[in-house]
Amino acid sequence: MAVVTADAQSYHIVVTNGVNGVLCEARNAASLQATNEQMLAMTDKHRCYAGSSSRQQVEAEFDKQPLNKAAPNMVEEVLLRGKT
């Protein structure tokens, strides 16, 4: 999915402006509006390319193994909390 997000905190780590999405100024409604208009003006082909680029970037840069290892323990912890 092509992404529109603010250039703040860690969001810019996942979005390369103009490649897999578009960044707007944080806390700036006019910038968000302009960025949304920019995204809507893109061709379907460009938005599909941006979406594919997003997936490739996330798969290449972010490791899901830590989450996969932690998930069973998190579920067990939540279930145990519900029993007390």
N, C-alpha and C. Protein backbone atom coordinates (compact mmCIF):
# COMPACT_ATOMS: atom_id res chain seq x y z
N MET A 1 0.83 -1.17 0.00
CA MET A 1 0.00 0.00 0.00
C MET A 1 0.88 1.24 0.00
N ALA A 2 0.58 2.16 -0.85
CA ALA A 2 1.27 3.45 -0.82
C ALA A 2 0.84 4.17 0.46
N VAL A 3 1.74 4.94 1.04
CA VAL A 3 1.51 5.50 2.37
C VAL A 3 1.59 7.02 2.34
N VAL A 4 0.68 7.65 3.08
CA VAL A 4 0.77 9.08 3.39
C VAL A 4 0.96 9.16 4.89
N THR A 5 2.04 9.79 5.31
CA THR A 5 2.29 9.93 6.75
C THR A 5 3.09 11.19 7.03
N ALA A 6 3.13 11.55 8.29
CA ALA A 6 3.87 12.74 8.70
C ALA A 6 5.36 12.43 8.81
N ASP A 7 6.16 13.39 8.49
CA ASP A 7 7.62 13.26 8.61
C ASP A 7 7.97 13.56 10.07
N ALA A 8 7.62 12.62 10.94
CA ALA A 8 7.84 12.80 12.37
C ALA A 8 8.15 11.45 13.00
N GLN A 9 8.70 11.50 14.17
CA GLN A 9 9.05 10.30 14.94
C GLN A 9 9.76 9.31 14.04
N SER A 10 9.27 8.10 13.99
CA SER A 10 9.95 7.06 13.22
C SER A 10 9.24 6.75 11.90
N TYR A 11 8.22 7.48 11.56
CA TYR A 11 7.46 7.17 10.36
C TYR A 11 8.31 7.25 9.10
N HIS A 12 9.24 8.20 9.06
CA HIS A 12 10.07 8.36 7.87
C HIS A 12 11.01 7.18 7.66
N ILE A 13 11.15 6.33 8.68
CA ILE A 13 11.98 5.13 8.52
C ILE A 13 11.33 4.17 7.53
N VAL A 14 10.01 4.14 7.50
CA VAL A 14 9.28 3.20 6.67
C VAL A 14 8.89 3.81 5.32
N VAL A 15 8.85 5.12 5.24
CA VAL A 15 8.42 5.77 3.99
C VAL A 15 9.58 6.54 3.38
N THR A 16 9.89 6.19 2.14
CA THR A 16 10.85 6.96 1.36
C THR A 16 10.03 7.88 0.47
N ASN A 17 10.08 9.16 0.76
CA ASN A 17 9.22 10.13 0.10
C ASN A 17 9.29 10.03 -1.42
N GLY A 18 8.13 9.83 -2.04
CA GLY A 18 8.05 9.75 -3.49
C GLY A 18 8.30 8.37 -4.06
N VAL A 19 8.77 7.44 -3.21
CA VAL A 19 9.05 6.08 -3.69
C VAL A 19 7.93 5.13 -3.27
N ASN A 20 7.73 5.00 -1.96
CA ASN A 20 6.69 4.10 -1.49
C ASN A 20 5.59 4.85 -0.74
N GLY A 21 5.63 6.13 -0.82
CA GLY A 21 4.62 6.95 -0.18
C GLY A 21 5.01 8.41 -0.24
N VAL A 22 4.27 9.21 0.52
CA VAL A 22 4.51 10.65 0.52
C VAL A 22 4.49 11.13 1.96
N LEU A 23 5.45 11.96 2.30
CA LEU A 23 5.53 12.53 3.65
C LEU A 23 4.98 13.95 3.66
N CYS A 24 4.25 14.26 4.72
CA CYS A 24 3.79 15.64 4.91
C CYS A 24 4.41 16.17 6.19
N GLU A 25 4.30 17.48 6.38
CA GLU A 25 4.82 18.09 7.61
C GLU A 25 3.95 17.65 8.78
N ALA A 26 4.59 17.36 9.89
CA ALA A 26 3.86 16.98 11.10
C ALA A 26 3.03 18.15 11.61
N ARG A 27 1.84 17.84 12.07
CA ARG A 27 0.95 18.84 12.69
C ARG A 27 0.63 20.01 11.77
N ASN A 28 0.49 19.72 10.47
CA ASN A 28 0.22 20.78 9.51
C ASN A 28 -0.88 20.30 8.57
N ALA A 29 -2.09 20.78 8.82
CA ALA A 29 -3.25 20.33 8.07
C ALA A 29 -3.14 20.66 6.58
N ALA A 30 -2.59 21.83 6.26
CA ALA A 30 -2.44 22.22 4.86
C ALA A 30 -1.47 21.28 4.14
N SER A 31 -0.40 20.89 4.84
CA SER A 31 0.57 19.96 4.26
C SER A 31 -0.07 18.59 4.05
N LEU A 32 -0.86 18.14 5.01
CA LEU A 32 -1.55 16.86 4.88
C LEU A 32 -2.51 16.89 3.70
N GLN A 33 -3.24 17.97 3.54
CA GLN A 33 -4.16 18.10 2.42
C GLN A 33 -3.40 18.06 1.09
N ALA A 34 -2.32 18.80 1.00
CA ALA A 34 -1.53 18.83 -0.23
C ALA A 34 -0.94 17.45 -0.53
N THR A 35 -0.51 16.75 0.51
CA THR A 35 0.07 15.42 0.34
C THR A 35 -0.99 14.43 -0.12
N ASN A 36 -2.17 14.50 0.45
CA ASN A 36 -3.27 13.64 0.00
C ASN A 36 -3.63 13.92 -1.45
N GLU A 37 -3.66 15.18 -1.81
CA GLU A 37 -3.94 15.55 -3.20
C GLU A 37 -2.85 15.02 -4.13
N GLN A 38 -1.61 15.07 -3.68
CA GLN A 38 -0.49 14.54 -4.45
C GLN A 38 -0.67 13.03 -4.66
N MET A 39 -1.06 12.33 -3.62
CA MET A 39 -1.28 10.89 -3.73
C MET A 39 -2.44 10.59 -4.69
N LEU A 40 -3.51 11.34 -4.58
CA LEU A 40 -4.66 11.12 -5.46
C LEU A 40 -4.34 11.44 -6.92
N ALA A 41 -3.39 12.36 -7.13
CA ALA A 41 -3.02 12.73 -8.50
C ALA A 41 -2.12 11.69 -9.16
N MET A 42 -1.53 10.79 -8.37
CA MET A 42 -0.68 9.75 -8.94
C MET A 42 -1.52 8.80 -9.79
N THR A 43 -0.90 8.24 -10.78
CA THR A 43 -1.59 7.23 -11.58
C THR A 43 -1.75 5.96 -10.75
N ASP A 44 -2.70 5.12 -11.15
CA ASP A 44 -2.88 3.84 -10.46
C ASP A 44 -1.58 3.03 -10.51
N LYS A 45 -0.90 3.10 -11.65
CA LYS A 45 0.35 2.36 -11.81
C LYS A 45 1.40 2.84 -10.79
N HIS A 46 1.49 4.14 -10.60
CA HIS A 46 2.46 4.69 -9.64
C HIS A 46 2.10 4.27 -8.22
N ARG A 47 0.80 4.33 -7.86
CA ARG A 47 0.38 3.91 -6.52
C ARG A 47 0.65 2.43 -6.30
N CYS A 48 0.42 1.59 -7.32
CA CYS A 48 0.72 0.16 -7.21
C CYS A 48 2.22 -0.07 -7.03
N TYR A 49 3.02 0.68 -7.77
CA TYR A 49 4.48 0.59 -7.62
C TYR A 49 4.89 0.99 -6.20
N ALA A 50 4.29 2.06 -5.70
CA ALA A 50 4.60 2.52 -4.34
C ALA A 50 4.22 1.45 -3.32
N GLY A 51 3.08 0.82 -3.52
CA GLY A 51 2.66 -0.25 -2.62
C GLY A 51 3.62 -1.42 -2.64
N SER A 52 4.04 -1.83 -3.82
CA SER A 52 5.01 -2.92 -3.94
C SER A 52 6.34 -2.54 -3.30
N SER A 53 6.74 -1.30 -3.49
CA SER A 53 7.99 -0.83 -2.88
C SER A 53 7.90 -0.85 -1.36
N SER A 54 6.73 -0.50 -0.82
CA SER A 54 6.54 -0.54 0.63
C SER A 54 6.74 -1.94 1.17
N ARG A 55 6.12 -2.90 0.52
CA ARG A 55 6.23 -4.28 0.99
C ARG A 55 7.68 -4.77 0.91
N GLN A 56 8.33 -4.49 -0.21
CA GLN A 56 9.72 -4.92 -0.37
C GLN A 56 10.62 -4.30 0.70
N GLN A 57 10.42 -3.03 0.97
CA GLN A 57 11.24 -2.34 1.97
C GLN A 57 11.03 -2.94 3.35
N VAL A 58 9.79 -3.17 3.73
CA VAL A 58 9.52 -3.73 5.06
C VAL A 58 10.08 -5.14 5.17
N GLU A 59 9.89 -5.95 4.14
CA GLU A 59 10.42 -7.32 4.19
C GLU A 59 11.94 -7.33 4.26
N ALA A 60 12.58 -6.38 3.60
CA ALA A 60 14.05 -6.35 3.57
C ALA A 60 14.65 -5.76 4.84
N GLU A 61 13.98 -4.80 5.45
CA GLU A 61 14.58 -4.05 6.55
C GLU A 61 14.11 -4.43 7.94
N PHE A 62 13.00 -5.12 8.04
CA PHE A 62 12.44 -5.41 9.36
C PHE A 62 12.31 -6.91 9.54
N ASP A 63 12.84 -7.39 10.64
CA ASP A 63 12.87 -8.82 10.93
C ASP A 63 11.65 -9.18 11.77
N LYS A 64 10.86 -10.13 11.31
CA LYS A 64 9.67 -10.54 12.04
C LYS A 64 9.98 -11.60 13.10
N GLN A 65 11.18 -12.15 13.11
CA GLN A 65 11.51 -13.21 14.06
C GLN A 65 11.35 -12.79 15.52
N PRO A 66 11.81 -11.61 15.94
CA PRO A 66 11.62 -11.24 17.35
C PRO A 66 10.14 -11.24 17.75
N LEU A 67 9.28 -10.77 16.89
CA LEU A 67 7.85 -10.77 17.19
C LEU A 67 7.31 -12.19 17.25
N ASN A 68 7.71 -13.02 16.30
CA ASN A 68 7.26 -14.41 16.30
C ASN A 68 7.68 -15.14 17.57
N LYS A 69 8.87 -14.84 18.07
CA LYS A 69 9.35 -15.48 19.30
C LYS A 69 8.62 -14.95 20.53
N ALA A 70 8.29 -13.68 20.54
CA ALA A 70 7.66 -13.05 21.70
C ALA A 70 6.16 -13.29 21.78
N ALA A 71 5.51 -13.50 20.66
CA ALA A 71 4.05 -13.58 20.62
C ALA A 71 3.47 -14.65 21.55
N PRO A 72 3.97 -15.89 21.55
CA PRO A 72 3.37 -16.89 22.45
C PRO A 72 3.43 -16.47 23.92
N ASN A 73 4.53 -15.88 24.34
CA ASN A 73 4.64 -15.43 25.73
C ASN A 73 3.68 -14.29 26.03
N MET A 74 3.50 -13.39 25.08
CA MET A 74 2.57 -12.28 25.27
C MET A 74 1.15 -12.80 25.41
N VAL A 75 0.78 -13.76 24.57
CA VAL A 75 -0.57 -14.33 24.63
C VAL A 75 -0.78 -15.02 25.98
N GLU A 76 0.20 -15.81 26.41
CA GLU A 76 0.10 -16.51 27.68
C GLU A 76 -0.04 -15.52 28.84
N GLU A 77 0.73 -14.44 28.79
CA GLU A 77 0.66 -13.43 29.84
C GLU A 77 -0.72 -12.80 29.91
N VAL A 78 -1.29 -12.49 28.76
CA VAL A 78 -2.62 -11.88 28.72
C VAL A 78 -3.66 -12.86 29.25
N LEU A 79 -3.55 -14.13 28.86
CA LEU A 79 -4.50 -15.13 29.34
C LEU A 79 -4.39 -15.32 30.85
N LEU A 80 -3.19 -15.35 31.36
CA LEU A 80 -2.99 -15.50 32.81
C LEU A 80 -3.55 -14.29 33.58
N ARG A 81 -3.39 -13.11 33.01
CA ARG A 81 -3.96 -11.92 33.67
C ARG A 81 -5.47 -12.02 33.81
N GLY A 82 -6.09 -12.60 32.81
CA GLY A 82 -7.55 -12.74 32.83
C GLY A 82 -8.05 -13.73 33.86
N LYS A 83 -7.19 -14.62 34.35
CA LYS A 83 -7.59 -15.63 35.33
C LYS A 83 -7.45 -15.18 36.77
N THR A 84 -6.82 -14.02 36.97
CA THR A 84 -6.60 -13.57 38.35
C THR A 84 -7.67 -12.61 38.81
